[in-house]
Amino acid sequence: MRINLGNKVEAWCGDPSMGGWRLGVVVWGNGHQYNIRWDGGDVVSGRIRRVSVRPPPPHLEIPADLEAGDLVEALDDRMWKLAELVRAGDGDGEGECTVKIVGSPSAITVPPSMVRVRQVLTDGDIWVATYKVSMAAAATQPSSSLLGILLP
């Protein structure tokens, strides 16, 4: 996927095991590194390597078969972080979900709008949902080495 000036992207912030994807817009780039203006503010990141930048994943409805123990991403501190579902909402998109952010000692309760299906961008620029362990194993090699670290 080619990333250009003005593209909306997500950038991995933090270390590989405890960071998250943060949304922003590319304000400078040379194909190897990018500066990103984060959503909701004027703050511009320092230079971020290409391997840590991706387009935002497409929106997917929360699947009906989502259950406790599945991996999702939860919006926490302006970043989409890997989380384990502790308790799903009521199934109609109205109830709150309880998730445990990976690396965090406690669970948090969030509205469904702050939970999204975990997806991996493959080398062929195809998004693959990986909220079930069997789905993660079937996904092809992610295009980013960081994503490879995050696969269970």
C-alpha atoms as a PDB file:
ATOM      1  CA  MET A   1       0.000   0.000   0.000  1.00  0.00           C
ATOM      2  CA  ARG A   2       1.398   3.343  -1.027  1.00  0.00           C
ATOM      3  CA  ILE A   3       1.197   6.064   1.604  1.00  0.00           C
ATOM      4  CA  ASN A   4       0.985   9.669   0.429  1.00  0.00           C
ATOM      5  CA  LEU A   5       0.852  13.103   1.985  1.00  0.00           C
ATOM      6  CA  GLY A   6      -2.654  13.696   3.369  1.00  0.00           C
ATOM      7  CA  ASN A   7      -3.521   9.985   3.732  1.00  0.00           C
ATOM      8  CA  LYS A   8      -5.361   8.958   6.866  1.00  0.00           C
ATOM      9  CA  VAL A   9      -3.250   6.239   8.536  1.00  0.00           C
ATOM     10  CA  GLU A  10      -2.708   4.376  11.767  1.00  0.00           C
ATOM     11  CA  ALA A  11       0.737   4.268  13.346  1.00  0.00           C
ATOM     12  CA  TRP A  12       1.975   1.809  15.942  1.00  0.00           C
ATOM     13  CA  CYS A  13       2.906   3.693  19.118  1.00  0.00           C
ATOM     14  CA  GLY A  14       4.718   2.033  21.988  1.00  0.00           C
ATOM     15  CA  ASP A  15       6.658  -1.181  22.271  1.00  0.00           C
ATOM     16  CA  PRO A  16       5.575  -4.251  20.254  1.00  0.00           C
ATOM     17  CA  SER A  17       3.806  -5.987  23.141  1.00  0.00           C
ATOM     18  CA  MET A  18       2.016  -3.098  24.863  1.00  0.00           C
ATOM     19  CA  GLY A  19       1.441  -0.319  22.344  1.00  0.00           C
ATOM     20  CA  GLY A  20      -1.482   0.486  20.108  1.00  0.00           C
ATOM     21  CA  TRP A  21      -2.587   1.881  16.743  1.00  0.00           C
ATOM     22  CA  ARG A  22      -3.139   5.647  16.741  1.00  0.00           C
ATOM     23  CA  LEU A  23      -5.074   7.428  13.971  1.00  0.00           C
ATOM     24  CA  GLY A  24      -3.701  10.453  12.164  1.00  0.00           C
ATOM     25  CA  VAL A  25      -2.917  12.107   8.828  1.00  0.00           C
ATOM     26  CA  VAL A  26       0.448  12.029   7.045  1.00  0.00           C
ATOM     27  CA  VAL A  27       1.955  15.548   6.935  1.00  0.00           C
ATOM     28  CA  TRP A  28       5.417  14.560   5.675  1.00  0.00           C
ATOM     29  CA  GLY A  29       6.990  11.422   4.290  1.00  0.00           C
ATOM     30  CA  ASN A  30       9.737  10.079   2.082  1.00  0.00           C
ATOM     31  CA  GLY A  31       8.598   6.465   1.617  1.00  0.00           C
ATOM     32  CA  HIS A  32      10.707   5.226   4.527  1.00  0.00           C
ATOM     33  CA  GLN A  33       9.625   7.523   7.370  1.00  0.00           C
ATOM     34  CA  TYR A  34       6.571   9.692   8.071  1.00  0.00           C
ATOM     35  CA  ASN A  35       5.419  12.513  10.309  1.00  0.00           C
ATOM     36  CA  ILE A  36       1.791  12.206  11.365  1.00  0.00           C
ATOM     37  CA  ARG A  37      -0.649  14.774  12.765  1.00  0.00           C
ATOM     38  CA  TRP A  38      -2.675  12.843  15.324  1.00  0.00           C
ATOM     39  CA  ASP A  39      -6.475  13.008  15.195  1.00  0.00           C
ATOM     40  CA  GLY A  40      -7.958  15.431  17.673  1.00  0.00           C
ATOM     41  CA  GLY A  41      -4.999  17.756  17.937  1.00  0.00           C
ATOM     42  CA  ASP A  42      -2.226  19.772  16.410  1.00  0.00           C
ATOM     43  CA  VAL A  43       0.551  17.553  17.763  1.00  0.00           C
ATOM     44  CA  VAL A  44       2.758  16.099  15.042  1.00  0.00           C
ATOM     45  CA  SER A  45       4.657  12.912  15.721  1.00  0.00           C
ATOM     46  CA  GLY A  46       8.370  12.563  15.308  1.00  0.00           C
ATOM     47  CA  ARG A  47       9.534  10.456  12.382  1.00  0.00           C
ATOM     48  CA  ILE A  48       7.831   7.061  12.288  1.00  0.00           C
ATOM     49  CA  ARG A  49       9.255   4.195  10.237  1.00  0.00           C
ATOM     50  CA  ARG A  50       7.173   2.826   7.337  1.00  0.00           C
ATOM     51  CA  VAL A  51       6.921  -0.610   8.966  1.00  0.00           C
ATOM     52  CA  SER A  52       4.904   1.002  11.799  1.00  0.00           C
ATOM     53  CA  VAL A  53       2.373   2.760   9.525  1.00  0.00           C
ATOM     54  CA  ARG A  54      -0.705   1.282   7.845  1.00  0.00           C
ATOM     55  CA  PRO A  55      -4.009   2.466   6.397  1.00  0.00           C
ATOM     56  CA  PRO A  56      -6.932   2.251   8.847  1.00  0.00           C
ATOM     57  CA  PRO A  57      -8.740  -1.098   8.636  1.00  0.00           C
ATOM     58  CA  PRO A  58     -12.227  -1.156   7.112  1.00  0.00           C
ATOM     59  CA  HIS A  59     -15.168  -1.026   9.497  1.00  0.00           C
ATOM     60  CA  LEU A  60     -16.623  -4.444  10.341  1.00  0.00           C
ATOM     61  CA  GLU A  61     -19.749  -5.044  12.375  1.00  0.00           C
ATOM     62  CA  ILE A  62     -19.124  -6.812  15.669  1.00  0.00           C
ATOM     63  CA  PRO A  63     -19.722 -10.495  14.790  1.00  0.00           C
ATOM     64  CA  ALA A  64     -22.480 -12.477  16.480  1.00  0.00           C
ATOM     65  CA  ASP A  65     -20.047 -15.285  17.375  1.00  0.00           C
ATOM     66  CA  LEU A  66     -17.799 -13.000  19.432  1.00  0.00           C
ATOM     67  CA  GLU A  67     -17.374 -14.537  22.878  1.00  0.00           C
ATOM     68  CA  ALA A  68     -15.263 -14.281  26.007  1.00  0.00           C
ATOM     69  CA  GLY A  69     -11.618 -15.044  25.257  1.00  0.00           C
ATOM     70  CA  ASP A  70     -11.686 -13.675  21.696  1.00  0.00           C
ATOM     71  CA  LEU A  71      -9.151 -11.018  20.732  1.00  0.00           C
ATOM     72  CA  VAL A  72     -10.430  -7.569  19.799  1.00  0.00           C
ATOM     73  CA  GLU A  73      -9.041  -4.050  19.746  1.00  0.00           C
ATOM     74  CA  ALA A  74     -10.324  -1.515  22.261  1.00  0.00           C
ATOM     75  CA  LEU A  75      -9.950   2.267  22.123  1.00  0.00           C
ATOM     76  CA  ASP A  76      -7.967   3.303  25.181  1.00  0.00           C
ATOM     77  CA  ASP A  77      -6.035   6.556  25.584  1.00  0.00           C
ATOM     78  CA  ARG A  78      -6.615   7.495  21.889  1.00  0.00           C
ATOM     79  CA  MET A  79      -5.077   4.210  20.678  1.00  0.00           C
ATOM     80  CA  TRP A  80      -6.599   0.942  19.462  1.00  0.00           C
ATOM     81  CA  LYS A  81      -5.000  -1.622  21.770  1.00  0.00           C
ATOM     82  CA  LEU A  82      -5.064  -5.406  21.642  1.00  0.00           C
ATOM     83  CA  ALA A  83      -7.545  -6.717  24.210  1.00  0.00           C
ATOM     84  CA  GLU A  84      -9.177  -9.942  25.286  1.00  0.00           C
ATOM     85  CA  LEU A  85     -12.950  -9.892  25.449  1.00  0.00           C
ATOM     86  CA  VAL A  86     -14.106 -10.682  28.979  1.00  0.00           C
ATOM     87  CA  ARG A  87     -17.838 -10.115  28.409  1.00  0.00           C
ATOM     88  CA  ALA A  88     -19.610  -9.286  25.166  1.00  0.00           C
ATOM     89  CA  GLY A  89     -22.466  -6.801  24.892  1.00  0.00           C
ATOM     90  CA  ASP A  90     -26.077  -7.969  24.542  1.00  0.00           C
ATOM     91  CA  GLY A  91     -25.649  -8.868  20.860  1.00  0.00           C
ATOM     92  CA  ASP A  92     -27.638  -5.999  19.331  1.00  0.00           C
ATOM     93  CA  GLY A  93     -24.778  -3.491  19.518  1.00  0.00           C
ATOM     94  CA  GLU A  94     -26.337  -1.717  22.481  1.00  0.00           C
ATOM     95  CA  GLY A  95     -24.750  -3.340  25.553  1.00  0.00           C
ATOM     96  CA  GLU A  96     -21.327  -2.487  26.866  1.00  0.00           C
ATOM     97  CA  CYS A  97     -18.366  -4.845  26.537  1.00  0.00           C
ATOM     98  CA  THR A  98     -15.809  -5.685  29.170  1.00  0.00           C
ATOM     99  CA  VAL A  99     -12.273  -6.095  27.850  1.00  0.00           C
ATOM    100  CA  LYS A 100      -8.839  -6.633  29.332  1.00  0.00           C
ATOM    101  CA  ILE A 101      -6.119  -4.690  27.521  1.00  0.00           C
ATOM    102  CA  VAL A 102      -3.115  -6.970  26.967  1.00  0.00           C
ATOM    103  CA  GLY A 103      -0.476  -6.074  29.549  1.00  0.00           C
ATOM    104  CA  SER A 104      -2.966  -4.308  31.830  1.00  0.00           C
ATOM    105  CA  PRO A 105      -3.821  -5.795  35.232  1.00  0.00           C
ATOM    106  CA  SER A 106      -7.514  -4.913  35.152  1.00  0.00           C
ATOM    107  CA  ALA A 107     -10.517  -5.076  32.835  1.00  0.00           C
ATOM    108  CA  ILE A 108     -12.431  -2.020  31.598  1.00  0.00           C
ATOM    109  CA  THR A 109     -16.041  -1.659  30.451  1.00  0.00           C
ATOM    110  CA  VAL A 110     -16.529   0.237  27.199  1.00  0.00           C
ATOM    111  CA  PRO A 111     -19.395   0.984  24.784  1.00  0.00           C
ATOM    112  CA  PRO A 112     -19.500  -1.074  21.555  1.00  0.00           C
ATOM    113  CA  SER A 113     -18.249   1.951  19.584  1.00  0.00           C
ATOM    114  CA  MET A 114     -14.913   1.600  21.396  1.00  0.00           C
ATOM    115  CA  VAL A 115     -14.417  -2.047  20.378  1.00  0.00           C
ATOM    116  CA  ARG A 116     -13.492  -3.229  16.906  1.00  0.00           C
ATOM    117  CA  VAL A 117     -12.755  -6.526  15.228  1.00  0.00           C
ATOM    118  CA  ARG A 118      -9.055  -7.269  15.137  1.00  0.00           C
ATOM    119  CA  GLN A 119      -7.769  -7.248  11.550  1.00  0.00           C
ATOM    120  CA  VAL A 120      -4.389  -7.890   9.942  1.00  0.00           C
ATOM    121  CA  LEU A 121      -3.208  -6.336   6.678  1.00  0.00           C
ATOM    122  CA  THR A 122      -1.560  -9.024   4.527  1.00  0.00           C
ATOM    123  CA  ASP A 123       1.211  -8.561   1.977  1.00  0.00           C
ATOM    124  CA  GLY A 124      -1.458  -8.492  -0.743  1.00  0.00           C
ATOM    125  CA  ASP A 125      -3.090  -5.437   0.902  1.00  0.00           C
ATOM    126  CA  ILE A 126      -6.064  -7.553   2.006  1.00  0.00           C
ATOM    127  CA  TRP A 127      -7.539  -7.125   5.484  1.00  0.00           C
ATOM    128  CA  VAL A 128      -8.188 -10.390   7.369  1.00  0.00           C
ATOM    129  CA  ALA A 129     -10.283 -10.551  10.568  1.00  0.00           C
ATOM    130  CA  THR A 130      -8.411 -12.464  13.280  1.00  0.00           C
ATOM    131  CA  TYR A 131     -10.528 -12.328  16.420  1.00  0.00           C
ATOM    132  CA  LYS A 132     -10.628 -16.130  16.761  1.00  0.00           C
ATOM    133  CA  VAL A 133      -7.354 -18.031  17.229  1.00  0.00           C
ATOM    134  CA  SER A 134      -8.189 -20.277  14.259  1.00  0.00           C
ATOM    135  CA  MET A 135      -8.597 -17.160  12.076  1.00  0.00           C
ATOM    136  CA  ALA A 136      -5.227 -15.803  13.165  1.00  0.00           C
ATOM    137  CA  ALA A 137      -3.524 -19.061  12.229  1.00  0.00           C
ATOM    138  CA  ALA A 138      -5.168 -19.018   8.784  1.00  0.00           C
ATOM    139  CA  ALA A 139      -4.149 -15.417   8.007  1.00  0.00           C
ATOM    140  CA  THR A 140      -1.269 -15.009   5.599  1.00  0.00           C
ATOM    141  CA  GLN A 141       1.932 -13.284   6.626  1.00  0.00           C
ATOM    142  CA  PRO A 142       1.178  -9.704   7.728  1.00  0.00           C
ATOM    143  CA  SER A 143       2.819  -6.928   5.738  1.00  0.00           C
ATOM    144  CA  SER A 144       4.297  -5.429   8.906  1.00  0.00           C
ATOM    145  CA  SER A 145       6.745  -7.252  11.139  1.00  0.00           C
ATOM    146  CA  LEU A 146       5.040  -5.560  14.090  1.00  0.00           C
ATOM    147  CA  LEU A 147       1.778  -7.278  13.246  1.00  0.00           C
ATOM    148  CA  GLY A 148       3.588 -10.611  13.222  1.00  0.00           C
ATOM    149  CA  ILE A 149       4.604 -10.018  16.815  1.00  0.00           C
ATOM    150  CA  LEU A 150       0.997  -9.392  17.787  1.00  0.00           C
ATOM    151  CA  LEU A 151      -0.479 -12.555  16.281  1.00  0.00           C
ATOM    152  CA  PRO A 152      -1.231 -15.127  18.988  1.00  0.00           C
END
